[in-house]
N, C-alpha and C. Protein backbone atom coordinates (compact mmCIF):
# COMPACT_ATOMS: atom_id res chain seq x y z
N MET A 1 43.62 -15.11 -7.94
CA MET A 1 42.97 -14.79 -9.20
C MET A 1 43.32 -15.80 -10.30
N GLU A 2 44.63 -16.16 -10.37
CA GLU A 2 45.06 -17.12 -11.39
C GLU A 2 44.42 -18.48 -11.17
N ASN A 3 44.27 -18.85 -9.88
CA ASN A 3 43.62 -20.13 -9.58
C ASN A 3 42.17 -20.12 -10.04
N LEU A 4 41.49 -18.99 -9.85
CA LEU A 4 40.10 -18.87 -10.29
C LEU A 4 39.99 -19.01 -11.80
N LYS A 5 40.93 -18.36 -12.51
CA LYS A 5 40.92 -18.45 -13.97
C LYS A 5 41.16 -19.88 -14.43
N GLN A 6 42.13 -20.55 -13.77
CA GLN A 6 42.44 -21.92 -14.13
C GLN A 6 41.26 -22.85 -13.87
N ASN A 7 40.61 -22.65 -12.74
CA ASN A 7 39.43 -23.46 -12.41
C ASN A 7 38.30 -23.24 -13.41
N LEU A 8 38.16 -21.98 -13.84
CA LEU A 8 37.12 -21.64 -14.80
C LEU A 8 37.37 -22.35 -16.14
N LEU A 9 38.64 -22.32 -16.59
CA LEU A 9 38.99 -22.97 -17.84
C LEU A 9 38.82 -24.48 -17.75
N GLU A 10 39.20 -25.04 -16.63
CA GLU A 10 39.05 -26.49 -16.43
C GLU A 10 37.58 -26.89 -16.43
N SER A 11 36.75 -26.08 -15.78
CA SER A 11 35.31 -26.35 -15.74
C SER A 11 34.71 -26.27 -17.14
N ALA A 12 35.15 -25.28 -17.91
CA ALA A 12 34.64 -25.12 -19.28
C ALA A 12 35.04 -26.30 -20.15
N ASN A 13 36.29 -26.74 -20.03
CA ASN A 13 36.75 -27.88 -20.82
C ASN A 13 36.00 -29.15 -20.44
N GLN A 14 35.71 -29.32 -19.15
CA GLN A 14 34.97 -30.48 -18.70
C GLN A 14 33.54 -30.46 -19.24
N LYS A 15 32.91 -29.28 -19.20
CA LYS A 15 31.56 -29.15 -19.73
C LYS A 15 31.54 -29.44 -21.23
N LEU A 16 32.53 -28.94 -21.95
CA LEU A 16 32.64 -29.19 -23.38
C LEU A 16 32.74 -30.68 -23.67
N LYS A 17 33.55 -31.38 -22.90
CA LYS A 17 33.71 -32.83 -23.08
C LYS A 17 32.40 -33.56 -22.81
N GLU A 18 31.66 -33.12 -21.81
CA GLU A 18 30.38 -33.75 -21.47
C GLU A 18 29.38 -33.60 -22.61
N ILE A 19 29.30 -32.39 -23.16
CA ILE A 19 28.35 -32.13 -24.24
C ILE A 19 28.74 -32.92 -25.49
N LEU A 20 30.03 -32.97 -25.78
CA LEU A 20 30.51 -33.72 -26.94
C LEU A 20 30.21 -35.21 -26.78
N GLU A 21 30.41 -35.73 -25.60
CA GLU A 21 30.11 -37.14 -25.34
C GLU A 21 28.62 -37.42 -25.51
N ASN A 22 27.79 -36.51 -25.00
CA ASN A 22 26.34 -36.68 -25.15
C ASN A 22 25.94 -36.67 -26.63
N ALA A 23 26.52 -35.74 -27.40
CA ALA A 23 26.20 -35.64 -28.82
C ALA A 23 26.61 -36.91 -29.56
N ARG A 24 27.75 -37.45 -29.21
CA ARG A 24 28.23 -38.66 -29.87
C ARG A 24 27.34 -39.86 -29.57
N ASN A 25 26.85 -39.95 -28.34
CA ASN A 25 26.07 -41.10 -27.94
C ASN A 25 24.58 -40.98 -28.22
N LEU A 26 24.06 -39.76 -28.27
CA LEU A 26 22.62 -39.57 -28.44
C LEU A 26 22.20 -39.30 -29.87
N VAL A 27 23.02 -38.60 -30.64
CA VAL A 27 22.66 -38.32 -32.04
C VAL A 27 23.68 -38.84 -33.03
N GLY A 28 24.74 -39.49 -32.52
CA GLY A 28 25.71 -40.09 -33.41
C GLY A 28 26.68 -39.12 -34.05
N LEU A 29 26.92 -37.98 -33.41
CA LEU A 29 27.89 -37.02 -33.95
C LEU A 29 29.26 -37.68 -34.03
N SER A 30 29.91 -37.54 -35.19
CA SER A 30 31.23 -38.15 -35.37
C SER A 30 32.04 -37.35 -36.38
N GLU A 31 33.30 -37.72 -36.52
CA GLU A 31 34.15 -37.05 -37.50
C GLU A 31 33.65 -37.28 -38.92
N ASN A 32 32.88 -38.34 -39.12
CA ASN A 32 32.34 -38.60 -40.44
C ASN A 32 31.40 -37.49 -40.90
N ASP A 33 30.72 -36.84 -39.94
CA ASP A 33 29.82 -35.74 -40.30
C ASP A 33 30.60 -34.60 -40.94
N PHE A 34 31.80 -34.36 -40.45
CA PHE A 34 32.65 -33.32 -41.05
C PHE A 34 33.09 -33.74 -42.46
N ARG A 35 33.39 -35.02 -42.63
CA ARG A 35 33.81 -35.50 -43.95
C ARG A 35 32.67 -35.40 -44.97
N VAL A 36 31.46 -35.71 -44.51
CA VAL A 36 30.30 -35.63 -45.41
C VAL A 36 30.17 -34.22 -45.98
N LEU A 37 30.35 -33.23 -45.14
CA LEU A 37 30.24 -31.84 -45.59
C LEU A 37 31.47 -31.43 -46.41
N ALA A 38 32.64 -31.80 -45.92
CA ALA A 38 33.87 -31.40 -46.60
C ALA A 38 33.96 -31.99 -48.01
N ASP A 39 33.44 -33.21 -48.19
CA ASP A 39 33.47 -33.85 -49.51
C ASP A 39 32.62 -33.10 -50.54
N ARG A 40 31.72 -32.27 -50.05
CA ARG A 40 30.82 -31.52 -50.94
C ARG A 40 30.98 -30.01 -50.75
N LYS A 41 32.11 -29.63 -50.21
CA LYS A 41 32.28 -28.23 -49.80
C LYS A 41 32.23 -27.25 -50.96
N GLU A 42 32.63 -27.68 -52.14
CA GLU A 42 32.63 -26.74 -53.27
C GLU A 42 31.24 -26.16 -53.51
N ILE A 43 30.24 -27.02 -53.53
CA ILE A 43 28.89 -26.54 -53.78
C ILE A 43 28.27 -25.95 -52.51
N LEU A 44 28.56 -26.55 -51.35
CA LEU A 44 27.98 -26.05 -50.09
C LEU A 44 28.49 -24.65 -49.76
N LEU A 45 29.76 -24.40 -50.03
CA LEU A 45 30.32 -23.07 -49.76
C LEU A 45 29.80 -22.02 -50.73
N SER A 46 29.35 -22.45 -51.91
CA SER A 46 28.82 -21.49 -52.88
C SER A 46 27.51 -20.87 -52.39
N TRP A 47 26.91 -21.46 -51.35
CA TRP A 47 25.66 -20.92 -50.80
C TRP A 47 25.89 -19.93 -49.67
N THR A 48 27.14 -19.70 -49.31
CA THR A 48 27.45 -18.91 -48.11
C THR A 48 26.75 -17.56 -48.10
N ASP A 49 26.91 -16.77 -49.15
CA ASP A 49 26.34 -15.43 -49.19
C ASP A 49 24.82 -15.47 -49.12
N GLU A 50 24.22 -16.38 -49.86
CA GLU A 50 22.76 -16.46 -49.89
C GLU A 50 22.18 -16.84 -48.52
N LEU A 51 22.81 -17.81 -47.88
CA LEU A 51 22.33 -18.23 -46.55
C LEU A 51 22.50 -17.10 -45.54
N ALA A 52 23.61 -16.38 -45.63
CA ALA A 52 23.86 -15.28 -44.71
C ALA A 52 22.85 -14.15 -44.92
N GLU A 53 22.58 -13.83 -46.17
CA GLU A 53 21.63 -12.76 -46.47
C GLU A 53 20.24 -13.10 -45.91
N ASP A 54 19.79 -14.30 -46.14
CA ASP A 54 18.48 -14.71 -45.65
C ASP A 54 18.44 -14.71 -44.13
N PHE A 55 19.51 -15.19 -43.51
CA PHE A 55 19.60 -15.28 -42.05
C PHE A 55 19.43 -13.90 -41.41
N TYR A 56 20.18 -12.93 -41.92
CA TYR A 56 20.16 -11.60 -41.29
C TYR A 56 18.97 -10.77 -41.75
N GLN A 57 18.43 -11.06 -42.90
CA GLN A 57 17.22 -10.38 -43.33
C GLN A 57 16.07 -10.75 -42.40
N THR A 58 16.05 -12.01 -41.99
CA THR A 58 15.02 -12.46 -41.05
C THR A 58 15.16 -11.74 -39.72
N LEU A 59 16.38 -11.62 -39.23
CA LEU A 59 16.62 -10.94 -37.96
C LEU A 59 16.27 -9.45 -38.05
N LEU A 60 16.62 -8.83 -39.16
CA LEU A 60 16.38 -7.40 -39.31
C LEU A 60 14.91 -7.08 -39.54
N SER A 61 14.15 -8.04 -40.03
CA SER A 61 12.74 -7.79 -40.31
C SER A 61 11.86 -7.89 -39.06
N TYR A 62 12.44 -8.34 -37.97
CA TYR A 62 11.70 -8.47 -36.71
C TYR A 62 12.25 -7.44 -35.73
N PRO A 63 11.45 -6.43 -35.33
CA PRO A 63 11.95 -5.34 -34.49
C PRO A 63 12.71 -5.79 -33.25
N LYS A 64 12.25 -6.86 -32.61
CA LYS A 64 12.91 -7.30 -31.37
C LYS A 64 14.35 -7.72 -31.63
N THR A 65 14.58 -8.49 -32.68
CA THR A 65 15.94 -8.94 -32.96
C THR A 65 16.74 -7.89 -33.72
N ALA A 66 16.05 -7.00 -34.43
CA ALA A 66 16.75 -5.93 -35.15
C ALA A 66 17.47 -4.99 -34.19
N LYS A 67 16.97 -4.89 -32.95
CA LYS A 67 17.57 -3.99 -31.96
C LYS A 67 19.02 -4.36 -31.65
N VAL A 68 19.35 -5.64 -31.82
CA VAL A 68 20.72 -6.08 -31.55
C VAL A 68 21.72 -5.31 -32.40
N PHE A 69 21.30 -4.94 -33.61
CA PHE A 69 22.22 -4.32 -34.56
C PHE A 69 22.27 -2.81 -34.43
N GLU A 70 21.64 -2.29 -33.39
CA GLU A 70 21.76 -0.85 -33.10
C GLU A 70 23.14 -0.54 -32.55
N THR A 71 23.77 -1.54 -31.93
CA THR A 71 25.09 -1.34 -31.32
C THR A 71 26.18 -2.18 -32.00
N VAL A 72 25.75 -3.13 -32.83
CA VAL A 72 26.71 -4.00 -33.53
C VAL A 72 26.43 -3.91 -35.03
N PRO A 73 27.38 -3.48 -35.83
CA PRO A 73 27.16 -3.37 -37.28
C PRO A 73 26.77 -4.71 -37.90
N VAL A 74 25.68 -4.74 -38.62
CA VAL A 74 25.19 -5.99 -39.17
C VAL A 74 26.16 -6.60 -40.16
N GLU A 75 26.85 -5.77 -40.95
CA GLU A 75 27.78 -6.31 -41.94
C GLU A 75 28.96 -7.01 -41.26
N LYS A 76 29.38 -6.49 -40.12
CA LYS A 76 30.48 -7.11 -39.38
C LYS A 76 30.05 -8.48 -38.85
N VAL A 77 28.84 -8.53 -38.30
CA VAL A 77 28.34 -9.79 -37.77
C VAL A 77 28.09 -10.79 -38.90
N LYS A 78 27.61 -10.29 -40.02
CA LYS A 78 27.34 -11.15 -41.16
C LYS A 78 28.63 -11.83 -41.65
N GLU A 79 29.73 -11.09 -41.65
CA GLU A 79 31.01 -11.67 -42.06
C GLU A 79 31.46 -12.75 -41.09
N LYS A 80 31.17 -12.55 -39.82
CA LYS A 80 31.51 -13.58 -38.82
C LYS A 80 30.66 -14.82 -39.03
N PHE A 81 29.40 -14.62 -39.39
CA PHE A 81 28.52 -15.75 -39.68
C PHE A 81 29.07 -16.54 -40.87
N LYS A 82 29.49 -15.83 -41.90
CA LYS A 82 30.03 -16.50 -43.08
C LYS A 82 31.29 -17.30 -42.73
N ALA A 83 32.13 -16.73 -41.89
CA ALA A 83 33.35 -17.43 -41.48
C ALA A 83 32.99 -18.68 -40.67
N TRP A 84 31.98 -18.56 -39.81
CA TRP A 84 31.52 -19.71 -39.03
C TRP A 84 30.99 -20.81 -39.95
N TYR A 85 30.19 -20.43 -40.93
CA TYR A 85 29.61 -21.41 -41.85
C TYR A 85 30.71 -22.10 -42.66
N ARG A 86 31.67 -21.33 -43.14
CA ARG A 86 32.76 -21.92 -43.91
C ARG A 86 33.55 -22.91 -43.06
N ASN A 87 33.77 -22.55 -41.80
CA ASN A 87 34.50 -23.43 -40.90
C ASN A 87 33.71 -24.69 -40.60
N LEU A 88 32.40 -24.54 -40.50
CA LEU A 88 31.54 -25.70 -40.24
C LEU A 88 31.60 -26.68 -41.41
N ILE A 89 31.61 -26.14 -42.62
CA ILE A 89 31.59 -26.97 -43.82
C ILE A 89 32.95 -27.61 -44.10
N SER A 90 34.01 -26.87 -43.88
CA SER A 90 35.33 -27.37 -44.29
C SER A 90 36.37 -27.40 -43.18
N GLY A 91 35.98 -27.12 -41.95
CA GLY A 91 36.94 -27.04 -40.86
C GLY A 91 37.52 -28.36 -40.42
N GLY A 92 36.75 -29.43 -40.57
CA GLY A 92 37.29 -30.75 -40.25
C GLY A 92 37.16 -31.19 -38.81
N GLY A 93 36.59 -30.36 -37.95
CA GLY A 93 36.37 -30.77 -36.57
C GLY A 93 37.64 -30.70 -35.74
N GLY A 94 37.72 -31.53 -34.71
CA GLY A 94 38.87 -31.53 -33.82
C GLY A 94 38.67 -30.65 -32.60
N GLU A 95 39.59 -30.76 -31.65
CA GLU A 95 39.46 -30.05 -30.38
C GLU A 95 39.39 -28.54 -30.57
N GLY A 96 40.20 -28.01 -31.49
CA GLY A 96 40.18 -26.57 -31.73
C GLY A 96 38.83 -26.09 -32.21
N PHE A 97 38.21 -26.87 -33.10
CA PHE A 97 36.88 -26.52 -33.60
C PHE A 97 35.86 -26.49 -32.47
N TYR A 98 35.89 -27.51 -31.61
CA TYR A 98 34.91 -27.59 -30.53
C TYR A 98 35.08 -26.45 -29.54
N ARG A 99 36.30 -26.08 -29.26
CA ARG A 99 36.55 -24.96 -28.35
C ARG A 99 36.06 -23.65 -28.97
N GLN A 100 36.29 -23.51 -30.24
CA GLN A 100 35.83 -22.30 -30.94
C GLN A 100 34.31 -22.19 -30.88
N GLN A 101 33.62 -23.31 -31.07
CA GLN A 101 32.16 -23.30 -31.02
C GLN A 101 31.66 -22.96 -29.62
N PHE A 102 32.37 -23.43 -28.61
CA PHE A 102 32.00 -23.10 -27.24
C PHE A 102 32.12 -21.60 -27.01
N PHE A 103 33.19 -21.01 -27.53
CA PHE A 103 33.38 -19.56 -27.39
C PHE A 103 32.31 -18.79 -28.14
N ILE A 104 31.95 -19.25 -29.34
CA ILE A 104 30.89 -18.59 -30.10
C ILE A 104 29.59 -18.58 -29.31
N GLY A 105 29.31 -19.68 -28.62
CA GLY A 105 28.13 -19.72 -27.76
C GLY A 105 28.19 -18.67 -26.67
N LEU A 106 29.38 -18.49 -26.08
CA LEU A 106 29.54 -17.48 -25.03
C LEU A 106 29.39 -16.07 -25.58
N VAL A 107 29.78 -15.86 -26.83
CA VAL A 107 29.60 -14.54 -27.46
C VAL A 107 28.12 -14.18 -27.52
N HIS A 108 27.29 -15.14 -27.88
CA HIS A 108 25.85 -14.90 -27.93
C HIS A 108 25.29 -14.59 -26.55
N ILE A 109 25.83 -15.26 -25.55
CA ILE A 109 25.40 -14.98 -24.17
C ILE A 109 25.83 -13.56 -23.79
N TYR A 110 27.05 -13.21 -24.13
CA TYR A 110 27.58 -11.88 -23.83
C TYR A 110 26.74 -10.79 -24.50
N ARG A 111 26.27 -11.08 -25.71
CA ARG A 111 25.43 -10.14 -26.45
C ARG A 111 23.97 -10.19 -26.02
N ARG A 112 23.68 -11.05 -25.05
CA ARG A 112 22.34 -11.19 -24.48
C ARG A 112 21.31 -11.62 -25.54
N ILE A 113 21.72 -12.59 -26.36
CA ILE A 113 20.81 -13.18 -27.33
C ILE A 113 20.07 -14.32 -26.64
N ASP A 114 18.76 -14.23 -26.57
CA ASP A 114 17.97 -15.24 -25.88
C ASP A 114 18.14 -16.61 -26.52
N ASN A 115 18.10 -17.65 -25.68
CA ASN A 115 18.21 -19.02 -26.19
C ASN A 115 17.15 -19.34 -27.22
N ASN A 116 15.92 -18.87 -26.98
CA ASN A 116 14.85 -19.21 -27.93
C ASN A 116 15.11 -18.60 -29.30
N VAL A 117 15.72 -17.42 -29.34
CA VAL A 117 16.07 -16.80 -30.61
C VAL A 117 17.13 -17.63 -31.32
N MET A 118 18.13 -18.07 -30.57
CA MET A 118 19.18 -18.92 -31.13
C MET A 118 18.59 -20.19 -31.74
N ILE A 119 17.68 -20.82 -31.01
CA ILE A 119 17.09 -22.08 -31.46
C ILE A 119 16.24 -21.85 -32.71
N PHE A 120 15.44 -20.80 -32.71
CA PHE A 120 14.58 -20.52 -33.86
C PHE A 120 15.41 -20.19 -35.10
N MET A 121 16.48 -19.41 -34.91
CA MET A 121 17.30 -19.04 -36.06
C MET A 121 18.14 -20.21 -36.57
N ALA A 122 18.50 -21.11 -35.68
CA ALA A 122 19.18 -22.33 -36.13
C ALA A 122 18.25 -23.15 -37.00
N ASN A 123 16.98 -23.19 -36.60
CA ASN A 123 15.97 -23.90 -37.39
C ASN A 123 15.80 -23.22 -38.75
N ASN A 124 15.79 -21.89 -38.74
CA ASN A 124 15.69 -21.12 -39.98
C ASN A 124 16.84 -21.47 -40.93
N LEU A 125 18.05 -21.51 -40.39
CA LEU A 125 19.22 -21.85 -41.20
C LEU A 125 19.12 -23.26 -41.75
N LYS A 126 18.73 -24.20 -40.91
CA LYS A 126 18.66 -25.60 -41.34
C LYS A 126 17.60 -25.79 -42.43
N ARG A 127 16.48 -25.10 -42.32
CA ARG A 127 15.44 -25.22 -43.34
C ARG A 127 15.91 -24.67 -44.68
N ASN A 128 16.59 -23.54 -44.65
CA ASN A 128 17.11 -22.97 -45.89
C ASN A 128 18.21 -23.84 -46.49
N PHE A 129 19.03 -24.41 -45.63
CA PHE A 129 20.09 -25.31 -46.08
C PHE A 129 19.47 -26.56 -46.73
N LEU A 130 18.43 -27.09 -46.11
CA LEU A 130 17.76 -28.28 -46.65
C LEU A 130 17.12 -27.98 -48.00
N LYS A 131 16.54 -26.81 -48.11
CA LYS A 131 15.93 -26.41 -49.39
C LYS A 131 16.98 -26.39 -50.50
N LYS A 132 18.15 -25.84 -50.20
CA LYS A 132 19.22 -25.80 -51.18
C LYS A 132 19.70 -27.21 -51.53
N LEU A 133 19.73 -28.07 -50.54
CA LEU A 133 20.18 -29.44 -50.79
C LEU A 133 19.27 -30.15 -51.79
N PHE A 134 17.97 -29.99 -51.62
CA PHE A 134 17.03 -30.66 -52.53
C PHE A 134 17.05 -30.04 -53.93
N GLU A 135 17.55 -28.81 -54.01
CA GLU A 135 17.67 -28.18 -55.34
C GLU A 135 18.89 -28.68 -56.10
N HIS A 136 19.88 -29.22 -55.37
CA HIS A 136 21.15 -29.57 -56.01
C HIS A 136 21.53 -31.05 -55.91
N PHE A 137 20.86 -31.81 -55.06
CA PHE A 137 21.21 -33.22 -54.89
C PHE A 137 19.98 -34.10 -55.04
N GLU A 138 20.24 -35.37 -55.27
CA GLU A 138 19.16 -36.34 -55.25
C GLU A 138 18.62 -36.46 -53.83
N PRO A 139 17.33 -36.81 -53.66
CA PRO A 139 16.71 -36.83 -52.33
C PRO A 139 17.49 -37.59 -51.26
N ASP A 140 17.95 -38.80 -51.58
CA ASP A 140 18.66 -39.59 -50.58
C ASP A 140 19.95 -38.91 -50.12
N GLU A 141 20.68 -38.36 -51.06
CA GLU A 141 21.93 -37.68 -50.71
C GLU A 141 21.63 -36.38 -49.97
N ALA A 142 20.58 -35.69 -50.35
CA ALA A 142 20.21 -34.44 -49.68
C ALA A 142 19.93 -34.70 -48.20
N VAL A 143 19.19 -35.75 -47.92
CA VAL A 143 18.86 -36.10 -46.53
C VAL A 143 20.12 -36.49 -45.77
N TYR A 144 20.99 -37.25 -46.43
CA TYR A 144 22.25 -37.71 -45.82
C TYR A 144 23.12 -36.52 -45.41
N VAL A 145 23.25 -35.56 -46.29
CA VAL A 145 24.07 -34.37 -46.01
C VAL A 145 23.40 -33.52 -44.94
N PHE A 146 22.08 -33.41 -45.01
CA PHE A 146 21.37 -32.60 -44.03
C PHE A 146 21.54 -33.16 -42.62
N GLN A 147 21.52 -34.47 -42.49
CA GLN A 147 21.68 -35.07 -41.17
C GLN A 147 23.01 -34.69 -40.55
N ALA A 148 24.07 -34.69 -41.35
CA ALA A 148 25.38 -34.30 -40.85
C ALA A 148 25.39 -32.82 -40.43
N PHE A 149 24.85 -31.98 -41.29
CA PHE A 149 24.80 -30.54 -41.00
C PHE A 149 23.95 -30.27 -39.76
N SER A 150 22.81 -30.92 -39.67
CA SER A 150 21.90 -30.71 -38.55
C SER A 150 22.54 -31.10 -37.23
N LYS A 151 23.27 -32.19 -37.20
CA LYS A 151 23.92 -32.62 -35.96
C LYS A 151 24.94 -31.59 -35.49
N LEU A 152 25.69 -31.03 -36.43
CA LEU A 152 26.70 -30.04 -36.06
C LEU A 152 26.07 -28.74 -35.58
N VAL A 153 25.02 -28.30 -36.25
CA VAL A 153 24.34 -27.08 -35.82
C VAL A 153 23.70 -27.28 -34.44
N ASP A 154 23.07 -28.42 -34.24
CA ASP A 154 22.45 -28.70 -32.94
C ASP A 154 23.49 -28.75 -31.83
N PHE A 155 24.68 -29.25 -32.17
CA PHE A 155 25.76 -29.29 -31.19
C PHE A 155 26.15 -27.87 -30.77
N VAL A 156 26.24 -26.97 -31.73
CA VAL A 156 26.57 -25.57 -31.41
C VAL A 156 25.49 -24.94 -30.54
N ILE A 157 24.23 -25.22 -30.85
CA ILE A 157 23.13 -24.67 -30.05
C ILE A 157 23.17 -25.23 -28.64
N ALA A 158 23.47 -26.52 -28.51
CA ALA A 158 23.57 -27.14 -27.18
C ALA A 158 24.65 -26.46 -26.36
N LEU A 159 25.76 -26.11 -27.00
CA LEU A 159 26.83 -25.42 -26.29
C LEU A 159 26.36 -24.07 -25.76
N THR A 160 25.57 -23.36 -26.55
CA THR A 160 25.08 -22.05 -26.13
C THR A 160 24.10 -22.16 -24.97
N VAL A 161 23.17 -23.09 -25.09
CA VAL A 161 22.19 -23.28 -24.03
C VAL A 161 22.88 -23.66 -22.72
N GLU A 162 23.82 -24.60 -22.81
CA GLU A 162 24.56 -25.00 -21.62
C GLU A 162 25.43 -23.87 -21.11
N GLY A 163 25.88 -23.02 -22.03
CA GLY A 163 26.71 -21.90 -21.64
C GLY A 163 26.00 -20.94 -20.71
N TYR A 164 24.70 -20.74 -20.93
CA TYR A 164 23.93 -19.89 -20.02
C TYR A 164 23.99 -20.43 -18.60
N ILE A 165 23.76 -21.73 -18.49
CA ILE A 165 23.77 -22.37 -17.17
C ILE A 165 25.17 -22.33 -16.58
N PHE A 166 26.16 -22.59 -17.42
CA PHE A 166 27.55 -22.61 -16.97
C PHE A 166 27.98 -21.25 -16.42
N THR A 167 27.68 -20.17 -17.17
CA THR A 167 28.10 -18.84 -16.72
C THR A 167 27.36 -18.40 -15.46
N LEU A 168 26.08 -18.75 -15.37
CA LEU A 168 25.32 -18.42 -14.17
C LEU A 168 25.90 -19.12 -12.96
N TYR A 169 26.19 -20.40 -13.11
CA TYR A 169 26.75 -21.19 -12.02
C TYR A 169 28.11 -20.64 -11.59
N GLN A 170 28.95 -20.31 -12.58
CA GLN A 170 30.27 -19.78 -12.25
C GLN A 170 30.17 -18.43 -11.56
N ALA A 171 29.19 -17.62 -11.96
CA ALA A 171 29.00 -16.31 -11.32
C ALA A 171 28.64 -16.48 -9.85
N LEU A 172 27.78 -17.44 -9.57
CA LEU A 172 27.35 -17.66 -8.19
C LEU A 172 28.48 -18.21 -7.32
N THR A 173 29.27 -19.10 -7.91
CA THR A 173 30.33 -19.73 -7.12
C THR A 173 31.58 -18.85 -6.99
N ASP A 174 31.93 -18.14 -8.06
CA ASP A 174 33.17 -17.35 -8.06
C ASP A 174 32.96 -15.91 -7.62
N VAL A 175 32.03 -15.22 -8.29
CA VAL A 175 31.82 -13.80 -7.98
C VAL A 175 31.19 -13.63 -6.61
N ALA A 176 30.16 -14.40 -6.32
CA ALA A 176 29.48 -14.28 -5.03
C ALA A 176 30.22 -15.00 -3.91
N GLY A 177 31.22 -15.81 -4.28
CA GLY A 177 32.00 -16.50 -3.26
C GLY A 177 31.27 -17.64 -2.57
N LEU A 178 30.31 -18.23 -3.24
CA LEU A 178 29.55 -19.32 -2.66
C LEU A 178 30.18 -20.67 -3.02
N ARG A 179 30.12 -21.61 -2.10
CA ARG A 179 30.66 -22.93 -2.35
C ARG A 179 29.76 -23.68 -3.33
N PRO A 180 30.34 -24.48 -4.24
CA PRO A 180 29.54 -25.23 -5.22
C PRO A 180 28.43 -26.05 -4.59
N ALA A 181 28.73 -26.72 -3.47
CA ALA A 181 27.72 -27.55 -2.82
C ALA A 181 26.55 -26.70 -2.33
N LEU A 182 26.86 -25.49 -1.83
CA LEU A 182 25.81 -24.59 -1.35
C LEU A 182 24.96 -24.10 -2.51
N VAL A 183 25.61 -23.77 -3.63
CA VAL A 183 24.89 -23.32 -4.81
C VAL A 183 23.93 -24.40 -5.29
N GLU A 184 24.39 -25.64 -5.30
CA GLU A 184 23.55 -26.75 -5.75
C GLU A 184 22.34 -26.92 -4.84
N ARG A 185 22.53 -26.79 -3.53
CA ARG A 185 21.41 -26.91 -2.59
C ARG A 185 20.42 -25.77 -2.78
N MET A 186 20.96 -24.55 -2.96
CA MET A 186 20.10 -23.39 -3.17
C MET A 186 19.27 -23.54 -4.45
N MET A 187 19.92 -24.01 -5.51
CA MET A 187 19.22 -24.18 -6.77
C MET A 187 18.17 -25.28 -6.68
N LYS A 188 18.49 -26.34 -5.97
CA LYS A 188 17.54 -27.44 -5.81
C LYS A 188 16.30 -26.97 -5.08
N LEU A 189 16.48 -26.21 -4.00
CA LEU A 189 15.34 -25.71 -3.23
C LEU A 189 14.49 -24.75 -4.07
N LYS A 190 15.17 -23.86 -4.82
CA LYS A 190 14.44 -22.89 -5.63
C LYS A 190 13.72 -23.58 -6.78
N LEU A 191 14.36 -24.55 -7.39
CA LEU A 191 13.73 -25.28 -8.49
C LEU A 191 12.51 -26.06 -8.00
N GLU A 192 12.60 -26.60 -6.81
CA GLU A 192 11.45 -27.32 -6.24
C GLU A 192 10.28 -26.36 -6.03
N GLU A 193 10.59 -25.16 -5.55
CA GLU A 193 9.56 -24.15 -5.35
C GLU A 193 8.91 -23.76 -6.68
N ILE A 194 9.75 -23.53 -7.71
CA ILE A 194 9.24 -23.15 -9.02
C ILE A 194 8.44 -24.29 -9.64
N TYR A 195 8.94 -25.51 -9.50
CA TYR A 195 8.26 -26.69 -10.04
C TYR A 195 6.86 -26.82 -9.46
N ASN A 196 6.75 -26.69 -8.15
CA ASN A 196 5.44 -26.82 -7.49
C ASN A 196 4.49 -25.70 -7.90
N LEU A 197 5.03 -24.49 -8.06
CA LEU A 197 4.21 -23.36 -8.48
C LEU A 197 3.62 -23.59 -9.87
N PHE A 198 4.46 -23.97 -10.81
CA PHE A 198 3.99 -24.17 -12.18
C PHE A 198 3.12 -25.41 -12.31
N LYS A 199 3.40 -26.41 -11.53
CA LYS A 199 2.57 -27.60 -11.55
C LYS A 199 1.16 -27.26 -11.10
N ARG A 200 1.08 -26.43 -10.07
CA ARG A 200 -0.23 -26.03 -9.54
C ARG A 200 -0.96 -25.08 -10.48
N GLU A 201 -0.25 -24.07 -10.99
CA GLU A 201 -0.88 -23.03 -11.77
C GLU A 201 -1.10 -23.39 -13.24
N PHE A 202 -0.20 -24.19 -13.81
CA PHE A 202 -0.29 -24.51 -15.23
C PHE A 202 -1.04 -25.81 -15.50
N LEU A 203 -0.87 -26.79 -14.62
CA LEU A 203 -1.50 -28.09 -14.83
C LEU A 203 -2.81 -28.26 -14.08
N HIS A 204 -2.89 -27.60 -12.93
CA HIS A 204 -4.09 -27.74 -12.11
C HIS A 204 -4.59 -26.35 -11.64
N PRO A 205 -4.94 -25.47 -12.59
CA PRO A 205 -5.38 -24.12 -12.20
C PRO A 205 -6.67 -24.17 -11.38
N THR A 206 -6.74 -23.29 -10.41
CA THR A 206 -7.91 -23.25 -9.52
C THR A 206 -8.97 -22.28 -10.01
N GLY A 207 -8.63 -21.41 -10.87
CA GLY A 207 -9.62 -20.44 -11.36
C GLY A 207 -8.97 -19.50 -12.29
């Protein structure tokens, strides 16, 4: 059991490193993005309550997402959102920050929050954040700050999306007792079947 736990943690850390490396090379995520936000944290943090209120009002106004709060108190979740936002603005990054973001992604998976909802709500947050930026900064600086914020939010979303795949893969290999190589072959065969089905039905429908 301990070996399984250790392997799971090692796999998670490796996946985290891969995503971080991709973010650094593909969108230029760096420690400077944290400095850009931290240098302006006084005004950015003053928006915490307003951004949180808008975020959860949007979720509560849509019956499908409002159902989540039938079992989880919205005020409790809202406070966690505020803590996350404050940490994003002034946390400074580092290994501890990245691990925390990976765990937050797993929390959303545990709560069965669909990836598409996560992506749409991240977009909602970024649009509201950008609106506030243009209200308080000159256009060039607003765009500069938004780019830093957007990269960090996208990084968190990437962790969540990858987390779905990661947990599914771990379930198949650990819980079901299947060898990683066998899981990969099974997934490849199934994906090929799905690919051919959708290619035929979506791109070349017969009737």
